[in-house]
PDB file of N, CA and C in Angstrom:
ATOM      1  N   UNK A   1       0.835  -1.184   0.000  1.00  0.00           N
ATOM      2  CA  UNK A   1       0.000   0.000   0.000  1.00  0.00           C
ATOM      3  C   UNK A   1       0.885   1.255   0.000  1.00  0.00           C
ATOM      4  N   UNK A   2       0.593   2.148  -0.871  1.00  0.00           N
ATOM      5  CA  UNK A   2       1.355   3.386  -0.999  1.00  0.00           C
ATOM      6  C   UNK A   2       0.780   4.460  -0.075  1.00  0.00           C
ATOM      7  N   UNK A   3       1.654   5.191   0.579  1.00  0.00           N
ATOM      8  CA  UNK A   3       1.217   6.295   1.435  1.00  0.00           C
ATOM      9  C   UNK A   3       1.173   7.580   0.610  1.00  0.00           C
ATOM     10  N   UNK A   4       0.433   8.592   1.073  1.00  0.00           N
ATOM     11  CA  UNK A   4       0.425   9.872   0.366  1.00  0.00           C
ATOM     12  C   UNK A   4       1.834  10.460   0.216  1.00  0.00           C
ATOM     13  N   UNK A   5       2.667  10.298   1.249  1.00  0.00           N
ATOM     14  CA  UNK A   5       4.035  10.812   1.158  1.00  0.00           C
ATOM     15  C   UNK A   5       4.814  10.056   0.093  1.00  0.00           C
ATOM     16  N   UNK A   6       4.677   8.748   0.058  1.00  0.00           N
ATOM     17  CA  UNK A   6       5.380   7.962  -0.955  1.00  0.00           C
ATOM     18  C   UNK A   6       4.924   8.356  -2.355  1.00  0.00           C
ATOM     19  N   UNK A   7       3.624   8.516  -2.540  1.00  0.00           N
ATOM     20  CA  UNK A   7       3.094   8.926  -3.847  1.00  0.00           C
ATOM     21  C   UNK A   7       3.663  10.277  -4.260  1.00  0.00           C
ATOM     22  N   UNK A   8       3.694  11.219  -3.320  1.00  0.00           N
ATOM     23  CA  UNK A   8       4.243  12.545  -3.602  1.00  0.00           C
ATOM     24  C   UNK A   8       5.714  12.449  -3.998  1.00  0.00           C
ATOM     25  N   UNK A   9       6.487  11.701  -3.206  1.00  0.00           N
ATOM     26  CA  UNK A   9       7.925  11.604  -3.460  1.00  0.00           C
ATOM     27  C   UNK A   9       8.217  10.926  -4.798  1.00  0.00           C
ATOM     28  N   UNK A  10       7.443   9.922  -5.158  1.00  0.00           N
ATOM     29  CA  UNK A  10       7.624   9.270  -6.460  1.00  0.00           C
ATOM     30  C   UNK A  10       7.260  10.223  -7.590  1.00  0.00           C
ATOM     31  N   UNK A  11       6.136  10.918  -7.437  1.00  0.00           N
ATOM     32  CA  UNK A  11       5.667  11.852  -8.470  1.00  0.00           C
ATOM     33  C   UNK A  11       6.680  12.977  -8.693  1.00  0.00           C
ATOM     34  N   UNK A  12       7.242  13.486  -7.597  1.00  0.00           N
ATOM     35  CA  UNK A  12       8.191  14.603  -7.673  1.00  0.00           C
ATOM     36  C   UNK A  12       9.641  14.152  -7.826  1.00  0.00           C
ATOM     37  N   UNK A  13       9.854  12.843  -7.801  1.00  0.00           N
ATOM     38  CA  UNK A  13      11.199  12.260  -7.912  1.00  0.00           C
ATOM     39  C   UNK A  13      12.151  12.817  -6.854  1.00  0.00           C
ATOM     40  N   UNK A  14      11.694  12.732  -5.607  1.00  0.00           N
ATOM     41  CA  UNK A  14      12.462  13.221  -4.464  1.00  0.00           C
ATOM     42  C   UNK A  14      12.910  12.016  -3.640  1.00  0.00           C
ATOM     43  N   UNK A  15      14.184  11.968  -3.296  1.00  0.00           N
ATOM     44  CA  UNK A  15      14.711  10.868  -2.476  1.00  0.00           C
ATOM     45  C   UNK A  15      14.417  11.125  -0.998  1.00  0.00           C
ATOM     46  N   UNK A  16      14.597  10.087  -0.191  1.00  0.00           N
ATOM     47  CA  UNK A  16      14.439  10.239   1.257  1.00  0.00           C
ATOM     48  C   UNK A  16      15.373  11.326   1.783  1.00  0.00           C
ATOM     49  N   UNK A  17      16.621  11.310   1.341  1.00  0.00           N
ATOM     50  CA  UNK A  17      17.606  12.290   1.807  1.00  0.00           C
ATOM     51  C   UNK A  17      17.213  13.708   1.394  1.00  0.00           C
ATOM     52  N   UNK A  18      16.747  13.876   0.166  1.00  0.00           N
ATOM     53  CA  UNK A  18      16.334  15.202  -0.306  1.00  0.00           C
ATOM     54  C   UNK A  18      15.130  15.709   0.482  1.00  0.00           C
ATOM     55  N   UNK A  19      14.158  14.825   0.710  1.00  0.00           N
ATOM     56  CA  UNK A  19      12.971  15.240   1.452  1.00  0.00           C
ATOM     57  C   UNK A  19      13.325  15.557   2.898  1.00  0.00           C
ATOM     58  N   UNK A  20      14.213  14.763   3.476  1.00  0.00           N
ATOM     59  CA  UNK A  20      14.663  15.015   4.845  1.00  0.00           C
ATOM     60  C   UNK A  20      15.282  16.410   4.957  1.00  0.00           C
ATOM     61  N   UNK A  21      16.091  16.786   3.981  1.00  0.00           N
ATOM     62  CA  UNK A  21      16.696  18.120   3.979  1.00  0.00           C
ATOM     63  C   UNK A  21      15.624  19.203   3.857  1.00  0.00           C
ATOM     64  N   UNK A  22      14.584  18.933   3.063  1.00  0.00           N
ATOM     65  CA  UNK A  22      13.496  19.899   2.885  1.00  0.00           C
ATOM     66  C   UNK A  22      12.783  20.202   4.198  1.00  0.00           C
ATOM     67  N   UNK A  23      12.581  19.167   5.016  1.00  0.00           N
ATOM     68  CA  UNK A  23      11.816  19.357   6.254  1.00  0.00           C
ATOM     69  C   UNK A  23      12.694  19.448   7.499  1.00  0.00           C
ATOM     70  N   UNK A  24      14.002  19.350   7.318  1.00  0.00           N
ATOM     71  CA  UNK A  24      14.922  19.479   8.441  1.00  0.00           C
ATOM     72  C   UNK A  24      14.907  18.306   9.401  1.00  0.00           C
ATOM     73  N   UNK A  25      14.686  17.109   8.865  1.00  0.00           N
ATOM     74  CA  UNK A  25      14.657  15.896   9.693  1.00  0.00           C
ATOM     75  C   UNK A  25      15.621  14.870   9.116  1.00  0.00           C
ATOM     76  N   UNK A  26      15.814  13.785   9.845  1.00  0.00           N
ATOM     77  CA  UNK A  26      16.723  12.717   9.442  1.00  0.00           C
ATOM     78  C   UNK A  26      16.128  11.856   8.325  1.00  0.00           C
ATOM     79  N   UNK A  27      16.997  11.378   7.448  1.00  0.00           N
ATOM     80  CA  UNK A  27      16.576  10.523   6.338  1.00  0.00           C
ATOM     81  C   UNK A  27      15.860   9.260   6.815  1.00  0.00           C
ATOM     82  N   UNK A  28      16.318   8.699   7.924  1.00  0.00           N
ATOM     83  CA  UNK A  28      15.682   7.469   8.415  1.00  0.00           C
ATOM     84  C   UNK A  28      14.245   7.726   8.864  1.00  0.00           C
ATOM     85  N   UNK A  29      13.971   8.898   9.420  1.00  0.00           N
ATOM     86  CA  UNK A  29      12.596   9.240   9.786  1.00  0.00           C
ATOM     87  C   UNK A  29      11.740   9.343   8.536  1.00  0.00           C
ATOM     88  N   UNK A  30      12.243  10.013   7.516  1.00  0.00           N
ATOM     89  CA  UNK A  30      11.490  10.147   6.268  1.00  0.00           C
ATOM     90  C   UNK A  30      11.195   8.768   5.688  1.00  0.00           C
ATOM     91  N   UNK A  31      12.165   7.881   5.729  1.00  0.00           N
ATOM     92  CA  UNK A  31      11.963   6.525   5.224  1.00  0.00           C
ATOM     93  C   UNK A  31      10.823   5.840   5.975  1.00  0.00           C
ATOM     94  N   UNK A  32      10.796   5.967   7.275  1.00  0.00           N
ATOM     95  CA  UNK A  32       9.748   5.335   8.086  1.00  0.00           C
ATOM     96  C   UNK A  32       8.392   5.995   7.859  1.00  0.00           C
ATOM     97  N   UNK A  33       8.374   7.311   7.691  1.00  0.00           N
ATOM     98  CA  UNK A  33       7.128   8.018   7.385  1.00  0.00           C
ATOM     99  C   UNK A  33       6.601   7.601   6.013  1.00  0.00           C
ATOM    100  N   UNK A  34       7.489   7.560   5.039  1.00  0.00           N
ATOM    101  CA  UNK A  34       7.115   7.214   3.666  1.00  0.00           C
ATOM    102  C   UNK A  34       6.507   5.820   3.582  1.00  0.00           C
ATOM    103  N   UNK A  35       7.072   4.889   4.346  1.00  0.00           N
ATOM    104  CA  UNK A  35       6.585   3.509   4.330  1.00  0.00           C
ATOM    105  C   UNK A  35       5.363   3.301   5.220  1.00  0.00           C
ATOM    106  N   UNK A  36       4.967   4.327   5.975  1.00  0.00           N
ATOM    107  CA  UNK A  36       3.799   4.209   6.837  1.00  0.00           C
ATOM    108  C   UNK A  36       4.059   3.473   8.129  1.00  0.00           C
ATOM    109  N   UNK A  37       5.325   3.364   8.517  1.00  0.00           N
ATOM    110  CA  UNK A  37       5.696   2.674   9.755  1.00  0.00           C
ATOM    111  C   UNK A  37       5.333   3.528  10.967  1.00  0.00           C
ATOM    112  N   UNK A  38       5.507   4.838  10.845  1.00  0.00           N
ATOM    113  CA  UNK A  38       5.200   5.771  11.931  1.00  0.00           C
ATOM    114  C   UNK A  38       4.408   6.953  11.392  1.00  0.00           C
ATOM    115  N   UNK A  39       3.761   7.671  12.307  1.00  0.00           N
ATOM    116  CA  UNK A  39       3.079   8.924  11.988  1.00  0.00           C
ATOM    117  C   UNK A  39       3.961  10.074  12.455  1.00  0.00           C
ATOM    118  N   UNK A  40       3.883  11.216  11.796  1.00  0.00           N
ATOM    119  CA  UNK A  40       4.645  12.380  12.265  1.00  0.00           C
ATOM    120  C   UNK A  40       3.939  13.054  13.436  1.00  0.00           C
ATOM    121  N   UNK A  41       4.694  13.845  14.168  1.00  0.00           N
ATOM    122  CA  UNK A  41       4.078  14.721  15.163  1.00  0.00           C
ATOM    123  C   UNK A  41       3.278  15.771  14.395  1.00  0.00           C
ATOM    124  N   UNK A  42       2.433  16.508  15.089  1.00  0.00           N
ATOM    125  CA  UNK A  42       1.667  17.570  14.426  1.00  0.00           C
ATOM    126  C   UNK A  42       2.596  18.590  13.779  1.00  0.00           C
ATOM    127  N   UNK A  43       3.692  18.911  14.478  1.00  0.00           N
ATOM    128  CA  UNK A  43       4.660  19.879  13.949  1.00  0.00           C
ATOM    129  C   UNK A  43       5.265  19.386  12.631  1.00  0.00           C
ATOM    130  N   UNK A  44       5.673  18.134  12.599  1.00  0.00           N
ATOM    131  CA  UNK A  44       6.281  17.566  11.389  1.00  0.00           C
ATOM    132  C   UNK A  44       5.237  17.442  10.281  1.00  0.00           C
ATOM    133  N   UNK A  45       4.018  17.031  10.623  1.00  0.00           N
ATOM    134  CA  UNK A  45       2.955  16.926   9.618  1.00  0.00           C
ATOM    135  C   UNK A  45       2.672  18.289   8.991  1.00  0.00           C
ATOM    136  N   UNK A  46       2.675  19.339   9.807  1.00  0.00           N
ATOM    137  CA  UNK A  46       2.458  20.696   9.293  1.00  0.00           C
ATOM    138  C   UNK A  46       3.601  21.116   8.378  1.00  0.00           C
ATOM    139  N   UNK A  47       4.826  20.770   8.747  1.00  0.00           N
ATOM    140  CA  UNK A  47       5.995  21.100   7.922  1.00  0.00           C
ATOM    141  C   UNK A  47       5.932  20.356   6.585  1.00  0.00           C
ATOM    142  N   UNK A  48       5.539  19.094   6.623  1.00  0.00           N
ATOM    143  CA  UNK A  48       5.411  18.306   5.390  1.00  0.00           C
ATOM    144  C   UNK A  48       4.348  18.923   4.488  1.00  0.00           C
ATOM    145  N   UNK A  49       3.207  19.292   5.063  1.00  0.00           N
ATOM    146  CA  UNK A  49       2.148  19.914   4.272  1.00  0.00           C
ATOM    147  C   UNK A  49       2.648  21.213   3.638  1.00  0.00           C
ATOM    148  N   UNK A  50       3.360  22.024   4.413  1.00  0.00           N
ATOM    149  CA  UNK A  50       3.874  23.297   3.900  1.00  0.00           C
ATOM    150  C   UNK A  50       4.904  23.081   2.793  1.00  0.00           C
ATOM    151  N   UNK A  51       5.857  22.183   3.016  1.00  0.00           N
ATOM    152  CA  UNK A  51       6.940  21.975   2.048  1.00  0.00           C
ATOM    153  C   UNK A  51       6.466  21.286   0.774  1.00  0.00           C
ATOM    154  N   UNK A  52       5.329  20.567   0.851  1.00  0.00           N
ATOM    155  CA  UNK A  52       4.801  19.910  -0.350  1.00  0.00           C
ATOM    156  C   UNK A  52       3.722  20.754  -1.013  1.00  0.00           C
ATOM    157  N   UNK A  53       3.510  21.960  -0.516  1.00  0.00           N
ATOM    158  CA  UNK A  53       2.487  22.824  -1.090  1.00  0.00           C
ATOM    159  C   UNK A  53       1.097  22.214  -0.997  1.00  0.00           C
ATOM    160  N   UNK A  54       0.858  21.472   0.078  1.00  0.00           N
ATOM    161  CA  UNK A  54      -0.433  20.822   0.266  1.00  0.00           C
ATOM    162  C   UNK A  54      -0.537  19.465  -0.405  1.00  0.00           C
ATOM    163  N   UNK A  55       0.539  19.040  -1.049  1.00  0.00           N
ATOM    164  CA  UNK A  55       0.536  17.741  -1.728  1.00  0.00           C
ATOM    165  C   UNK A  55       0.394  16.567  -0.780  1.00  0.00           C
ATOM    166  N   UNK A  56       0.837  16.755   0.460  1.00  0.00           N
ATOM    167  CA  UNK A  56       0.665  15.741   1.512  1.00  0.00           C
ATOM    168  C   UNK A  56       0.027  16.467   2.697  1.00  0.00           C
ATOM    169  N   UNK A  57      -1.304  16.569   2.705  1.00  0.00           N
ATOM    170  CA  UNK A  57      -1.977  17.312   3.768  1.00  0.00           C
ATOM    171  C   UNK A  57      -1.878  16.628   5.127  1.00  0.00           C
ATOM    172  N   UNK A  58      -1.964  17.422   6.173  1.00  0.00           N
ATOM    173  CA  UNK A  58      -1.903  16.880   7.536  1.00  0.00           C
ATOM    174  C   UNK A  58      -2.938  15.776   7.736  1.00  0.00           C
ATOM    175  N   UNK A  59      -4.117  15.936   7.157  1.00  0.00           N
ATOM    176  CA  UNK A  59      -5.193  14.962   7.329  1.00  0.00           C
ATOM    177  C   UNK A  59      -4.845  13.599   6.751  1.00  0.00           C
ATOM    178  N   UNK A  60      -3.900  13.545   5.829  1.00  0.00           N
ATOM    179  CA  UNK A  60      -3.556  12.264   5.199  1.00  0.00           C
ATOM    180  C   UNK A  60      -2.936  11.285   6.186  1.00  0.00           C
ATOM    181  N   UNK A  61      -2.453  11.786   7.308  1.00  0.00           N
ATOM    182  CA  UNK A  61      -1.815  10.916   8.299  1.00  0.00           C
ATOM    183  C   UNK A  61      -2.823  10.246   9.218  1.00  0.00           C
ATOM    184  N   UNK A  62      -4.074  10.658   9.185  1.00  0.00           N
ATOM    185  CA  UNK A  62      -5.084  10.110  10.088  1.00  0.00           C
ATOM    186  C   UNK A  62      -5.334   8.625   9.880  1.00  0.00           C
ATOM    187  N   UNK A  63      -5.155   8.126   8.665  1.00  0.00           N
ATOM    188  CA  UNK A  63      -5.408   6.712   8.394  1.00  0.00           C
ATOM    189  C   UNK A  63      -4.134   5.877   8.403  1.00  0.00           C
ATOM    190  N   UNK A  64      -3.042   6.441   8.878  1.00  0.00           N
ATOM    191  CA  UNK A  64      -1.761   5.742   8.921  1.00  0.00           C
ATOM    192  C   UNK A  64      -1.633   4.926  10.211  1.00  0.00           C
ATOM    193  N   UNK A  65      -0.590   4.083  10.349  1.00  0.00           N
ATOM    194  CA  UNK A  65      -0.377   3.256  11.547  1.00  0.00           C
ATOM    195  C   UNK A  65      -0.294   4.052  12.845  1.00  0.00           C
ATOM    196  N   UNK A  66      -0.299   3.357  13.967  1.00  0.00           N
ATOM    197  CA  UNK A  66      -0.403   3.943  15.293  1.00  0.00           C
ATOM    198  C   UNK A  66       0.838   4.637  15.822  1.00  0.00           C
ATOM    199  N   UNK A  67       2.034   4.173  15.516  1.00  0.00           N
ATOM    200  CA  UNK A  67       3.262   4.731  16.083  1.00  0.00           C
ATOM    201  C   UNK A  67       3.429   6.193  15.714  1.00  0.00           C
ATOM    202  N   UNK A  68       4.073   6.962  16.583  1.00  0.00           N
ATOM    203  CA  UNK A  68       4.337   8.379  16.334  1.00  0.00           C
ATOM    204  C   UNK A  68       5.831   8.635  16.450  1.00  0.00           C
ATOM    205  N   UNK A  69       6.365   9.421  15.506  1.00  0.00           N
ATOM    206  CA  UNK A  69       7.790   9.761  15.517  1.00  0.00           C
ATOM    207  C   UNK A  69       7.954  11.266  15.540  1.00  0.00           C
ATOM    208  N   UNK A  70       9.040  11.717  16.115  1.00  0.00           N
ATOM    209  CA  UNK A  70       9.321  13.159  16.199  1.00  0.00           C
ATOM    210  C   UNK A  70       9.977  13.672  14.965  1.00  0.00           C
TER     211      UNK A  70
END
């Protein structure tokens, strides 16, 4: 199952490392977020929404797995 973040990153051809630099977080966190292993904090979800121009809205994380990452 593809996550909204994964779909965005594939569409925009952005790597985990590039996206991590965009949001100021570690590449391993982006990898886990992209795969749907963890959910972002509200702060990180807001940053992702802002940096993707709404391409990955905060609401898209509501149907993701239970774990939360900073």
